C-alpha cells in the first residue's frame, strides 16, 4: 500500500498485486484508503490464512510483529483487519506528514 521509496521493503502486508501500468501510474502516491483499504485487508486475511493452513510459516512471518497474537488460528477476520488497518493507517499518516501524496485512485 505504501510506496517502495517510503517503506523500502516487500513484506506481504504492504503489497498490492497490480499490473506494471497500474503500478507506474500510481508512482509514489499512496492508494486511497477509502477506496481500497477494506478490500485489501480482507484479501490479506484470506492469503494469510491460506498460508497458515498450508504450513508456510516463513511467508506469514511478515505479520508476526504487527499482529502480536499468540494463536493465529483463533484470530477472527475482524481482529486481523483491525490490526492491519491500524498499521497501514499509521504508516500512511507518517508518509503524508513527510510529503507523500495520498488518495490515489486508478482511472
PDB file of N, CA and C in Angstrom:
ATOM      1  N   UNK A   1       0.828  -1.190   0.000  1.00  0.00           N
ATOM      2  CA  UNK A   1       0.000   0.000   0.000  1.00  0.00           C
ATOM      3  C   UNK A   1       0.871   1.253   0.000  1.00  0.00           C
ATOM      4  N   UNK A   2       1.995   1.224   0.683  1.00  0.00           N
ATOM      5  CA  UNK A   2       2.873   2.391   0.711  1.00  0.00           C
ATOM      6  C   UNK A   2       3.930   2.264  -0.374  1.00  0.00           C
ATOM      7  N   UNK A   3       4.387   3.380  -0.909  1.00  0.00           N
ATOM      8  CA  UNK A   3       5.415   3.339  -1.952  1.00  0.00           C
ATOM      9  C   UNK A   3       6.712   2.713  -1.450  1.00  0.00           C
ATOM     10  N   UNK A   4       7.409   2.049  -2.355  1.00  0.00           N
ATOM     11  CA  UNK A   4       8.695   1.443  -2.040  1.00  0.00           C
ATOM     12  C   UNK A   4       9.659   2.500  -1.502  1.00  0.00           C
ATOM     13  N   UNK A   5       9.625   3.691  -2.064  1.00  0.00           N
ATOM     14  CA  UNK A   5      10.552   4.735  -1.639  1.00  0.00           C
ATOM     15  C   UNK A   5      10.286   5.192  -0.199  1.00  0.00           C
ATOM     16  N   UNK A   6       9.125   4.846   0.344  1.00  0.00           N
ATOM     17  CA  UNK A   6       8.843   5.153   1.745  1.00  0.00           C
ATOM     18  C   UNK A   6       9.120   3.939   2.632  1.00  0.00           C
ATOM     19  N   UNK A   7       8.559   2.788   2.315  1.00  0.00           N
ATOM     20  CA  UNK A   7       8.671   1.602   3.168  1.00  0.00           C
ATOM     21  C   UNK A   7       9.961   0.821   2.939  1.00  0.00           C
ATOM     22  N   UNK A   8      10.420   0.771   1.699  1.00  0.00           N
ATOM     23  CA  UNK A   8      11.663   0.072   1.337  1.00  0.00           C
ATOM     24  C   UNK A   8      11.684  -1.398   1.781  1.00  0.00           C
ATOM     25  N   UNK A   9      10.567  -2.047   1.712  1.00  0.00           N
ATOM     26  CA  UNK A   9      10.505  -3.491   1.942  1.00  0.00           C
ATOM     27  C   UNK A   9       9.372  -4.071   1.111  1.00  0.00           C
ATOM     28  N   UNK A  10       9.356  -5.379   1.013  1.00  0.00           N
ATOM     29  CA  UNK A  10       8.309  -6.045   0.245  1.00  0.00           C
ATOM     30  C   UNK A  10       7.563  -7.067   1.096  1.00  0.00           C
ATOM     31  N   UNK A  11       7.290  -6.705   2.339  1.00  0.00           N
ATOM     32  CA  UNK A  11       6.530  -7.603   3.200  1.00  0.00           C
ATOM     33  C   UNK A  11       5.113  -7.720   2.661  1.00  0.00           C
ATOM     34  N   UNK A  12       4.528  -8.889   2.840  1.00  0.00           N
ATOM     35  CA  UNK A  12       3.224  -9.179   2.243  1.00  0.00           C
ATOM     36  C   UNK A  12       2.140  -8.174   2.607  1.00  0.00           C
ATOM     37  N   UNK A  13       2.140  -7.690   3.836  1.00  0.00           N
ATOM     38  CA  UNK A  13       1.078  -6.776   4.253  1.00  0.00           C
ATOM     39  C   UNK A  13       1.152  -5.415   3.568  1.00  0.00           C
ATOM     40  N   UNK A  14       2.204  -5.165   2.799  1.00  0.00           N
ATOM     41  CA  UNK A  14       2.347  -3.884   2.106  1.00  0.00           C
ATOM     42  C   UNK A  14       2.292  -4.042   0.587  1.00  0.00           C
ATOM     43  N   UNK A  15       1.926  -5.200   0.104  1.00  0.00           N
ATOM     44  CA  UNK A  15       1.949  -5.449  -1.338  1.00  0.00           C
ATOM     45  C   UNK A  15       0.531  -5.561  -1.885  1.00  0.00           C
ATOM     46  N   UNK A  16       0.301  -4.843  -2.981  1.00  0.00           N
ATOM     47  CA  UNK A  16      -0.951  -4.952  -3.720  1.00  0.00           C
ATOM     48  C   UNK A  16      -0.613  -5.522  -5.085  1.00  0.00           C
ATOM     49  N   UNK A  17      -1.146  -6.684  -5.446  1.00  0.00           N
ATOM     50  CA  UNK A  17      -0.897  -7.192  -6.796  1.00  0.00           C
ATOM     51  C   UNK A  17      -1.463  -6.221  -7.830  1.00  0.00           C
ATOM     52  N   UNK A  18      -0.634  -5.790  -8.754  1.00  0.00           N
ATOM     53  CA  UNK A  18      -1.076  -4.833  -9.779  1.00  0.00           C
ATOM     54  C   UNK A  18      -0.235  -5.016 -11.032  1.00  0.00           C
ATOM     55  N   UNK A  19      -0.825  -4.669 -12.149  1.00  0.00           N
ATOM     56  CA  UNK A  19      -0.073  -4.707 -13.405  1.00  0.00           C
ATOM     57  C   UNK A  19       0.974  -3.599 -13.387  1.00  0.00           C
ATOM     58  N   UNK A  20       1.956  -3.714 -14.259  1.00  0.00           N
ATOM     59  CA  UNK A  20       3.019  -2.712 -14.327  1.00  0.00           C
ATOM     60  C   UNK A  20       2.454  -1.330 -14.654  1.00  0.00           C
ATOM     61  N   UNK A  21       1.455  -1.269 -15.541  1.00  0.00           N
ATOM     62  CA  UNK A  21       0.904   0.040 -15.912  1.00  0.00           C
ATOM     63  C   UNK A  21       0.172   0.692 -14.736  1.00  0.00           C
ATOM     64  N   UNK A  22      -0.532  -0.097 -13.948  1.00  0.00           N
ATOM     65  CA  UNK A  22      -1.218   0.453 -12.773  1.00  0.00           C
ATOM     66  C   UNK A  22      -0.182   0.924 -11.762  1.00  0.00           C
ATOM     67  N   UNK A  23       0.815   0.099 -11.518  1.00  0.00           N
ATOM     68  CA  UNK A  23       1.832   0.444 -10.536  1.00  0.00           C
ATOM     69  C   UNK A  23       2.590   1.711 -10.938  1.00  0.00           C
ATOM     70  N   UNK A  24       2.937   1.840 -12.206  1.00  0.00           N
ATOM     71  CA  UNK A  24       3.668   3.034 -12.628  1.00  0.00           C
ATOM     72  C   UNK A  24       2.774   4.271 -12.626  1.00  0.00           C
ATOM     73  N   UNK A  25       1.482   4.131 -12.879  1.00  0.00           N
ATOM     74  CA  UNK A  25       0.591   5.296 -12.834  1.00  0.00           C
ATOM     75  C   UNK A  25       0.424   5.798 -11.404  1.00  0.00           C
ATOM     76  N   UNK A  26       0.550   4.911 -10.444  1.00  0.00           N
ATOM     77  CA  UNK A  26       0.439   5.285  -9.026  1.00  0.00           C
ATOM     78  C   UNK A  26       1.707   5.980  -8.566  1.00  0.00           C
ATOM     79  N   UNK A  27       2.849   5.576  -9.099  1.00  0.00           N
ATOM     80  CA  UNK A  27       4.140   6.156  -8.747  1.00  0.00           C
ATOM     81  C   UNK A  27       4.327   6.124  -7.233  1.00  0.00           C
ATOM     82  N   UNK A  28       4.561   7.265  -6.609  1.00  0.00           N
ATOM     83  CA  UNK A  28       4.786   7.353  -5.164  1.00  0.00           C
ATOM     84  C   UNK A  28       3.574   7.884  -4.412  1.00  0.00           C
ATOM     85  N   UNK A  29       2.405   7.785  -5.018  1.00  0.00           N
ATOM     86  CA  UNK A  29       1.188   8.262  -4.359  1.00  0.00           C
ATOM     87  C   UNK A  29       0.576   7.110  -3.566  1.00  0.00           C
ATOM     88  N   UNK A  30       0.180   7.390  -2.338  1.00  0.00           N
ATOM     89  CA  UNK A  30      -0.461   6.374  -1.503  1.00  0.00           C
ATOM     90  C   UNK A  30      -1.858   6.083  -2.031  1.00  0.00           C
ATOM     91  N   UNK A  31      -2.255   4.825  -2.085  1.00  0.00           N
ATOM     92  CA  UNK A  31      -3.610   4.498  -2.543  1.00  0.00           C
ATOM     93  C   UNK A  31      -4.679   5.076  -1.616  1.00  0.00           C
ATOM     94  N   UNK A  32      -5.818   5.367  -2.169  1.00  0.00           N
ATOM     95  CA  UNK A  32      -6.952   5.851  -1.389  1.00  0.00           C
ATOM     96  C   UNK A  32      -7.385   4.761  -0.408  1.00  0.00           C
ATOM     97  N   UNK A  33      -7.343   5.082   0.858  1.00  0.00           N
ATOM     98  CA  UNK A  33      -7.776   4.105   1.851  1.00  0.00           C
ATOM     99  C   UNK A  33      -9.284   3.919   1.798  1.00  0.00           C
ATOM    100  N   UNK A  34      -9.999   4.960   1.467  1.00  0.00           N
ATOM    101  CA  UNK A  34     -11.453   4.865   1.356  1.00  0.00           C
ATOM    102  C   UNK A  34     -11.848   3.863   0.276  1.00  0.00           C
ATOM    103  N   UNK A  35     -11.136   3.879  -0.839  1.00  0.00           N
ATOM    104  CA  UNK A  35     -11.483   3.010  -1.961  1.00  0.00           C
ATOM    105  C   UNK A  35     -10.914   1.598  -1.844  1.00  0.00           C
ATOM    106  N   UNK A  36      -9.781   1.440  -1.174  1.00  0.00           N
ATOM    107  CA  UNK A  36      -9.068   0.164  -1.271  1.00  0.00           C
ATOM    108  C   UNK A  36      -8.781  -0.565   0.043  1.00  0.00           C
ATOM    109  N   UNK A  37      -8.797   0.113   1.168  1.00  0.00           N
ATOM    110  CA  UNK A  37      -8.285  -0.496   2.393  1.00  0.00           C
ATOM    111  C   UNK A  37      -9.067  -1.724   2.847  1.00  0.00           C
ATOM    112  N   UNK A  38     -10.378  -1.663   2.907  1.00  0.00           N
ATOM    113  CA  UNK A  38     -11.155  -2.812   3.394  1.00  0.00           C
ATOM    114  C   UNK A  38     -10.959  -4.047   2.521  1.00  0.00           C
ATOM    115  N   UNK A  39     -11.057  -3.857   1.227  1.00  0.00           N
ATOM    116  CA  UNK A  39     -10.875  -4.988   0.311  1.00  0.00           C
ATOM    117  C   UNK A  39      -9.458  -5.552   0.406  1.00  0.00           C
ATOM    118  N   UNK A  40      -8.479  -4.652   0.494  1.00  0.00           N
ATOM    119  CA  UNK A  40      -7.088  -5.078   0.619  1.00  0.00           C
ATOM    120  C   UNK A  40      -6.879  -5.895   1.888  1.00  0.00           C
ATOM    121  N   UNK A  41      -7.377  -5.425   3.023  1.00  0.00           N
ATOM    122  CA  UNK A  41      -7.201  -6.130   4.295  1.00  0.00           C
ATOM    123  C   UNK A  41      -7.887  -7.487   4.283  1.00  0.00           C
ATOM    124  N   UNK A  42      -9.049  -7.569   3.678  1.00  0.00           N
ATOM    125  CA  UNK A  42      -9.736  -8.859   3.581  1.00  0.00           C
ATOM    126  C   UNK A  42      -8.999  -9.826   2.660  1.00  0.00           C
ATOM    127  N   UNK A  43      -8.430  -9.320   1.588  1.00  0.00           N
ATOM    128  CA  UNK A  43      -7.615 -10.157   0.702  1.00  0.00           C
ATOM    129  C   UNK A  43      -6.373 -10.661   1.444  1.00  0.00           C
ATOM    130  N   UNK A  44      -5.765  -9.784   2.239  1.00  0.00           N
ATOM    131  CA  UNK A  44      -4.597 -10.180   3.035  1.00  0.00           C
ATOM    132  C   UNK A  44      -4.972 -11.259   4.054  1.00  0.00           C
ATOM    133  N   UNK A  45      -6.146 -11.122   4.663  1.00  0.00           N
ATOM    134  CA  UNK A  45      -6.615 -12.128   5.620  1.00  0.00           C
ATOM    135  C   UNK A  45      -6.735 -13.493   4.934  1.00  0.00           C
ATOM    136  N   UNK A  46      -7.353 -13.511   3.769  1.00  0.00           N
ATOM    137  CA  UNK A  46      -7.520 -14.770   3.035  1.00  0.00           C
ATOM    138  C   UNK A  46      -6.171 -15.391   2.685  1.00  0.00           C
ATOM    139  N   UNK A  47      -5.243 -14.572   2.216  1.00  0.00           N
ATOM    140  CA  UNK A  47      -3.909 -15.081   1.860  1.00  0.00           C
ATOM    141  C   UNK A  47      -3.169 -15.562   3.098  1.00  0.00           C
ATOM    142  N   UNK A  48      -3.259 -14.808   4.187  1.00  0.00           N
ATOM    143  CA  UNK A  48      -2.592 -15.176   5.430  1.00  0.00           C
ATOM    144  C   UNK A  48      -3.069 -16.537   5.917  1.00  0.00           C
ATOM    145  N   UNK A  49      -4.386 -16.735   5.955  1.00  0.00           N
ATOM    146  CA  UNK A  49      -4.914 -18.000   6.455  1.00  0.00           C
ATOM    147  C   UNK A  49      -4.684 -19.162   5.496  1.00  0.00           C
ATOM    148  N   UNK A  50      -4.641 -18.892   4.221  1.00  0.00           N
ATOM    149  CA  UNK A  50      -4.286 -19.936   3.266  1.00  0.00           C
ATOM    150  C   UNK A  50      -2.878 -20.450   3.585  1.00  0.00           C
ATOM    151  N   UNK A  51      -1.936 -19.539   3.751  1.00  0.00           N
ATOM    152  CA  UNK A  51      -0.552 -19.943   4.024  1.00  0.00           C
ATOM    153  C   UNK A  51      -0.415 -20.554   5.413  1.00  0.00           C
ATOM    154  N   UNK A  52      -1.190 -20.088   6.363  1.00  0.00           N
ATOM    155  CA  UNK A  52      -1.176 -20.685   7.696  1.00  0.00           C
ATOM    156  C   UNK A  52      -1.632 -22.135   7.627  1.00  0.00           C
ATOM    157  N   UNK A  53      -2.718 -22.390   6.902  1.00  0.00           N
ATOM    158  CA  UNK A  53      -3.237 -23.754   6.771  1.00  0.00           C
ATOM    159  C   UNK A  53      -2.291 -24.660   5.996  1.00  0.00           C
ATOM    160  N   UNK A  54      -1.527 -24.083   5.073  1.00  0.00           N
ATOM    161  CA  UNK A  54      -0.586 -24.864   4.279  1.00  0.00           C
ATOM    162  C   UNK A  54       0.731 -25.101   5.019  1.00  0.00           C
ATOM    163  N   UNK A  55       0.896 -24.471   6.164  1.00  0.00           N
ATOM    164  CA  UNK A  55       2.126 -24.617   6.939  1.00  0.00           C
ATOM    165  C   UNK A  55       3.280 -23.779   6.406  1.00  0.00           C
ATOM    166  N   UNK A  56       2.979 -22.750   5.636  1.00  0.00           N
ATOM    167  CA  UNK A  56       4.008 -21.873   5.071  1.00  0.00           C
ATOM    168  C   UNK A  56       4.373 -20.786   6.085  1.00  0.00           C
ATOM    169  N   UNK A  57       4.999 -21.187   7.171  1.00  0.00           N
ATOM    170  CA  UNK A  57       5.268 -20.267   8.270  1.00  0.00           C
ATOM    171  C   UNK A  57       6.255 -19.168   7.896  1.00  0.00           C
ATOM    172  N   UNK A  58       7.166 -19.436   6.981  1.00  0.00           N
ATOM    173  CA  UNK A  58       8.110 -18.408   6.548  1.00  0.00           C
ATOM    174  C   UNK A  58       7.368 -17.239   5.899  1.00  0.00           C
ATOM    175  N   UNK A  59       6.339 -17.531   5.127  1.00  0.00           N
ATOM    176  CA  UNK A  59       5.593 -16.476   4.437  1.00  0.00           C
ATOM    177  C   UNK A  59       4.822 -15.606   5.426  1.00  0.00           C
ATOM    178  N   UNK A  60       4.276 -16.202   6.475  1.00  0.00           N
ATOM    179  CA  UNK A  60       3.467 -15.417   7.404  1.00  0.00           C
ATOM    180  C   UNK A  60       4.295 -14.698   8.470  1.00  0.00           C
ATOM    181  N   UNK A  61       5.618 -14.882   8.458  1.00  0.00           N
ATOM    182  CA  UNK A  61       6.474 -14.172   9.416  1.00  0.00           C
ATOM    183  C   UNK A  61       6.339 -12.658   9.286  1.00  0.00           C
ATOM    184  N   UNK A  62       6.042 -12.169   8.096  1.00  0.00           N
ATOM    185  CA  UNK A  62       5.896 -10.724   7.884  1.00  0.00           C
ATOM    186  C   UNK A  62       4.826 -10.116   8.787  1.00  0.00           C
ATOM    187  N   UNK A  63       3.888 -10.928   9.240  1.00  0.00           N
ATOM    188  CA  UNK A  63       2.769 -10.433  10.035  1.00  0.00           C
ATOM    189  C   UNK A  63       2.998 -10.559  11.543  1.00  0.00           C
ATOM    190  N   UNK A  64       4.025 -11.298  11.957  1.00  0.00           N
ATOM    191  CA  UNK A  64       4.204 -11.625  13.376  1.00  0.00           C
ATOM    192  C   UNK A  64       4.233 -10.424  14.303  1.00  0.00           C
ATOM    193  N   UNK A  65       5.080  -9.464  14.034  1.00  0.00           N
ATOM    194  CA  UNK A  65       5.217  -8.312  14.931  1.00  0.00           C
ATOM    195  C   UNK A  65       3.940  -7.474  14.913  1.00  0.00           C
ATOM    196  N   UNK A  66       3.412  -7.251  13.743  1.00  0.00           N
ATOM    197  CA  UNK A  66       2.235  -6.402  13.605  1.00  0.00           C
ATOM    198  C   UNK A  66       1.022  -6.994  14.323  1.00  0.00           C
ATOM    199  N   UNK A  67       0.806  -8.277  14.197  1.00  0.00           N
ATOM    200  CA  UNK A  67      -0.397  -8.890  14.749  1.00  0.00           C
ATOM    201  C   UNK A  67      -0.265  -9.222  16.226  1.00  0.00           C
ATOM    202  N   UNK A  68       0.931  -9.527  16.676  1.00  0.00           N
ATOM    203  CA  UNK A  68       1.211  -9.882  18.069  1.00  0.00           C
ATOM    204  C   UNK A  68       0.078 -10.705  18.689  1.00  0.00           C
ATOM    205  N   UNK A  69      -0.176 -11.829  18.085  1.00  0.00           N
ATOM    206  CA  UNK A  69      -1.251 -12.712  18.543  1.00  0.00           C
ATOM    207  C   UNK A  69      -0.644 -14.078  18.824  1.00  0.00           C
ATOM    208  N   UNK A  70      -1.039 -14.707  19.883  1.00  0.00           N
ATOM    209  CA  UNK A  70      -0.428 -15.984  20.268  1.00  0.00           C
ATOM    210  C   UNK A  70      -0.878 -17.151  19.393  1.00  0.00           C
ATOM    211  N   UNK A  71      -2.151 -17.209  19.080  1.00  0.00           N
ATOM    212  CA  UNK A  71      -2.656 -18.321  18.281  1.00  0.00           C
ATOM    213  C   UNK A  71      -3.440 -17.770  17.096  1.00  0.00           C
ATOM    214  N   UNK A  72      -2.779 -17.745  15.947  1.00  0.00           N
ATOM    215  CA  UNK A  72      -3.399 -17.181  14.744  1.00  0.00           C
ATOM    216  C   UNK A  72      -4.683 -17.902  14.358  1.00  0.00           C
ATOM    217  N   UNK A  73      -4.755 -19.197  14.648  1.00  0.00           N
ATOM    218  CA  UNK A  73      -5.934 -19.962  14.247  1.00  0.00           C
ATOM    219  C   UNK A  73      -7.194 -19.494  14.988  1.00  0.00           C
ATOM    220  N   UNK A  74      -7.017 -18.828  16.118  1.00  0.00           N
ATOM    221  CA  UNK A  74      -8.154 -18.337  16.890  1.00  0.00           C
ATOM    222  C   UNK A  74      -8.482 -16.869  16.589  1.00  0.00           C
ATOM    223  N   UNK A  75      -7.644 -16.215  15.781  1.00  0.00           N
ATOM    224  CA  UNK A  75      -7.857 -14.800  15.479  1.00  0.00           C
ATOM    225  C   UNK A  75      -8.987 -14.632  14.471  1.00  0.00           C
ATOM    226  N   UNK A  76      -9.909 -13.751  14.779  1.00  0.00           N
ATOM    227  CA  UNK A  76     -11.034 -13.506  13.871  1.00  0.00           C
ATOM    228  C   UNK A  76     -10.600 -12.618  12.702  1.00  0.00           C
ATOM    229  N   UNK A  77     -11.390 -12.679  11.641  1.00  0.00           N
ATOM    230  CA  UNK A  77     -11.160 -11.794  10.491  1.00  0.00           C
ATOM    231  C   UNK A  77     -11.191 -10.339  10.956  1.00  0.00           C
ATOM    232  N   UNK A  78     -12.140 -10.003  11.821  1.00  0.00           N
ATOM    233  CA  UNK A  78     -12.295  -8.625  12.290  1.00  0.00           C
ATOM    234  C   UNK A  78     -11.045  -8.142  13.009  1.00  0.00           C
ATOM    235  N   UNK A  79     -10.469  -9.004  13.863  1.00  0.00           N
ATOM    236  CA  UNK A  79      -9.256  -8.631  14.600  1.00  0.00           C
ATOM    237  C   UNK A  79      -8.080  -8.436  13.641  1.00  0.00           C
ATOM    238  N   UNK A  80      -7.931  -9.347  12.705  1.00  0.00           N
ATOM    239  CA  UNK A  80      -6.858  -9.252  11.712  1.00  0.00           C
ATOM    240  C   UNK A  80      -6.988  -7.960  10.912  1.00  0.00           C
ATOM    241  N   UNK A  81      -8.184  -7.682  10.397  1.00  0.00           N
ATOM    242  CA  UNK A  81      -8.420  -6.487   9.585  1.00  0.00           C
ATOM    243  C   UNK A  81      -8.181  -5.227  10.415  1.00  0.00           C
ATOM    244  N   UNK A  82      -8.615  -5.233  11.657  1.00  0.00           N
ATOM    245  CA  UNK A  82      -8.399  -4.073  12.529  1.00  0.00           C
ATOM    246  C   UNK A  82      -6.909  -3.809  12.727  1.00  0.00           C
ATOM    247  N   UNK A  83      -6.131  -4.845  13.035  1.00  0.00           N
ATOM    248  CA  UNK A  83      -4.692  -4.682  13.264  1.00  0.00           C
ATOM    249  C   UNK A  83      -3.981  -4.221  11.996  1.00  0.00           C
ATOM    250  N   UNK A  84      -4.301  -4.839  10.877  1.00  0.00           N
ATOM    251  CA  UNK A  84      -3.662  -4.466   9.615  1.00  0.00           C
ATOM    252  C   UNK A  84      -4.052  -3.041   9.219  1.00  0.00           C
ATOM    253  N   UNK A  85      -5.308  -2.684   9.386  1.00  0.00           N
ATOM    254  CA  UNK A  85      -5.760  -1.325   9.076  1.00  0.00           C
ATOM    255  C   UNK A  85      -5.028  -0.297   9.929  1.00  0.00           C
ATOM    256  N   UNK A  86      -4.849  -0.594  11.206  1.00  0.00           N
ATOM    257  CA  UNK A  86      -4.126   0.317  12.091  1.00  0.00           C
ATOM    258  C   UNK A  86      -2.696   0.524  11.607  1.00  0.00           C
ATOM    259  N   UNK A  87      -2.033  -0.553  11.251  1.00  0.00           N
ATOM    260  CA  UNK A  87      -0.644  -0.473  10.777  1.00  0.00           C
ATOM    261  C   UNK A  87      -0.563   0.361   9.502  1.00  0.00           C
ATOM    262  N   UNK A  88      -1.460   0.112   8.576  1.00  0.00           N
ATOM    263  CA  UNK A  88      -1.454   0.852   7.312  1.00  0.00           C
ATOM    264  C   UNK A  88      -1.799   2.319   7.552  1.00  0.00           C
ATOM    265  N   UNK A  89      -2.787   2.587   8.391  1.00  0.00           N
ATOM    266  CA  UNK A  89      -3.152   3.976   8.708  1.00  0.00           C
ATOM    267  C   UNK A  89      -1.983   4.722   9.344  1.00  0.00           C
ATOM    268  N   UNK A  90      -1.302   4.080  10.288  1.00  0.00           N
ATOM    269  CA  UNK A  90      -0.155   4.719  10.938  1.00  0.00           C
ATOM    270  C   UNK A  90       0.948   5.035   9.934  1.00  0.00           C
ATOM    271  N   UNK A  91       1.277   4.076   9.094  1.00  0.00           N
ATOM    272  CA  UNK A  91       2.331   4.296   8.102  1.00  0.00           C
ATOM    273  C   UNK A  91       1.917   5.342   7.068  1.00  0.00           C
ATOM    274  N   UNK A  92       0.669   5.329   6.669  1.00  0.00           N
ATOM    275  CA  UNK A  92       0.184   6.314   5.699  1.00  0.00           C
ATOM    276  C   UNK A  92       0.226   7.719   6.274  1.00  0.00           C
ATOM    277  N   UNK A  93      -0.156   7.856   7.513  1.00  0.00           N
ATOM    278  CA  UNK A  93      -0.143   9.166   8.170  1.00  0.00           C
ATOM    279  C   UNK A  93       1.286   9.722   8.227  1.00  0.00           C
ATOM    280  N   UNK A  94       2.234   8.875   8.574  1.00  0.00           N
ATOM    281  CA  UNK A  94       3.636   9.299   8.614  1.00  0.00           C
ATOM    282  C   UNK A  94       4.108   9.685   7.216  1.00  0.00           C
ATOM    283  N   UNK A  95       3.768   8.876   6.222  1.00  0.00           N
ATOM    284  CA  UNK A  95       4.188   9.157   4.846  1.00  0.00           C
ATOM    285  C   UNK A  95       3.633  10.497   4.360  1.00  0.00           C
ATOM    286  N   UNK A  96       2.378  10.765   4.649  1.00  0.00           N
ATOM    287  CA  UNK A  96       1.771  12.043   4.254  1.00  0.00           C
ATOM    288  C   UNK A  96       2.465  13.194   4.980  1.00  0.00           C
ATOM    289  N   UNK A  97       2.767  13.008   6.259  1.00  0.00           N
ATOM    290  CA  UNK A  97       3.424  14.062   7.043  1.00  0.00           C
ATOM    291  C   UNK A  97       4.812  14.409   6.516  1.00  0.00           C
ATOM    292  N   UNK A  98       5.473  13.456   5.865  1.00  0.00           N
ATOM    293  CA  UNK A  98       6.804  13.760   5.324  1.00  0.00           C
ATOM    294  C   UNK A  98       6.753  14.118   3.841  1.00  0.00           C
ATOM    295  N   UNK A  99       5.543  14.230   3.296  1.00  0.00           N
ATOM    296  CA  UNK A  99       5.419  14.782   1.958  1.00  0.00           C
ATOM    297  C   UNK A  99       4.871  13.897   0.858  1.00  0.00           C
ATOM    298  N   UNK A 100       4.553  12.648   1.142  1.00  0.00           N
ATOM    299  CA  UNK A 100       3.970  11.793   0.115  1.00  0.00           C
ATOM    300  C   UNK A 100       2.517  12.196  -0.129  1.00  0.00           C
ATOM    301  N   UNK A 101       2.113  12.150  -1.380  1.00  0.00           N
ATOM    302  CA  UNK A 101       0.724  12.439  -1.727  1.00  0.00           C
ATOM    303  C   UNK A 101      -0.127  11.212  -1.414  1.00  0.00           C
ATOM    304  N   UNK A 102      -1.416  11.454  -1.205  1.00  0.00           N
ATOM    305  CA  UNK A 102      -2.307  10.339  -0.872  1.00  0.00           C
ATOM    306  C   UNK A 102      -3.558  10.363  -1.749  1.00  0.00           C
ATOM    307  N   UNK A 103      -4.364   9.352  -1.552  1.00  0.00           N
ATOM    308  CA  UNK A 103      -5.682   9.221  -2.168  1.00  0.00           C
ATOM    309  C   UNK A 103      -5.641   8.878  -3.656  1.00  0.00           C
ATOM    310  N   UNK A 104      -4.648   8.090  -4.082  1.00  0.00           N
ATOM    311  CA  UNK A 104      -4.592   7.635  -5.479  1.00  0.00           C
ATOM    312  C   UNK A 104      -5.763   6.699  -5.755  1.00  0.00           C
ATOM    313  N   UNK A 105      -6.443   6.922  -6.877  1.00  0.00           N
ATOM    314  CA  UNK A 105      -7.491   6.035  -7.372  1.00  0.00           C
ATOM    315  C   UNK A 105      -7.172   5.747  -8.832  1.00  0.00           C
ATOM    316  N   UNK A 106      -7.143   4.482  -9.183  1.00  0.00           N
ATOM    317  CA  UNK A 106      -6.853   4.102 -10.569  1.00  0.00           C
ATOM    318  C   UNK A 106      -8.041   4.465 -11.463  1.00  0.00           C
ATOM    319  N   UNK A 107      -7.741   5.113 -12.567  1.00  0.00           N
ATOM    320  CA  UNK A 107      -8.790   5.503 -13.523  1.00  0.00           C
ATOM    321  C   UNK A 107      -8.536   4.838 -14.855  1.00  0.00           C
TER     322      UNK A 107
END
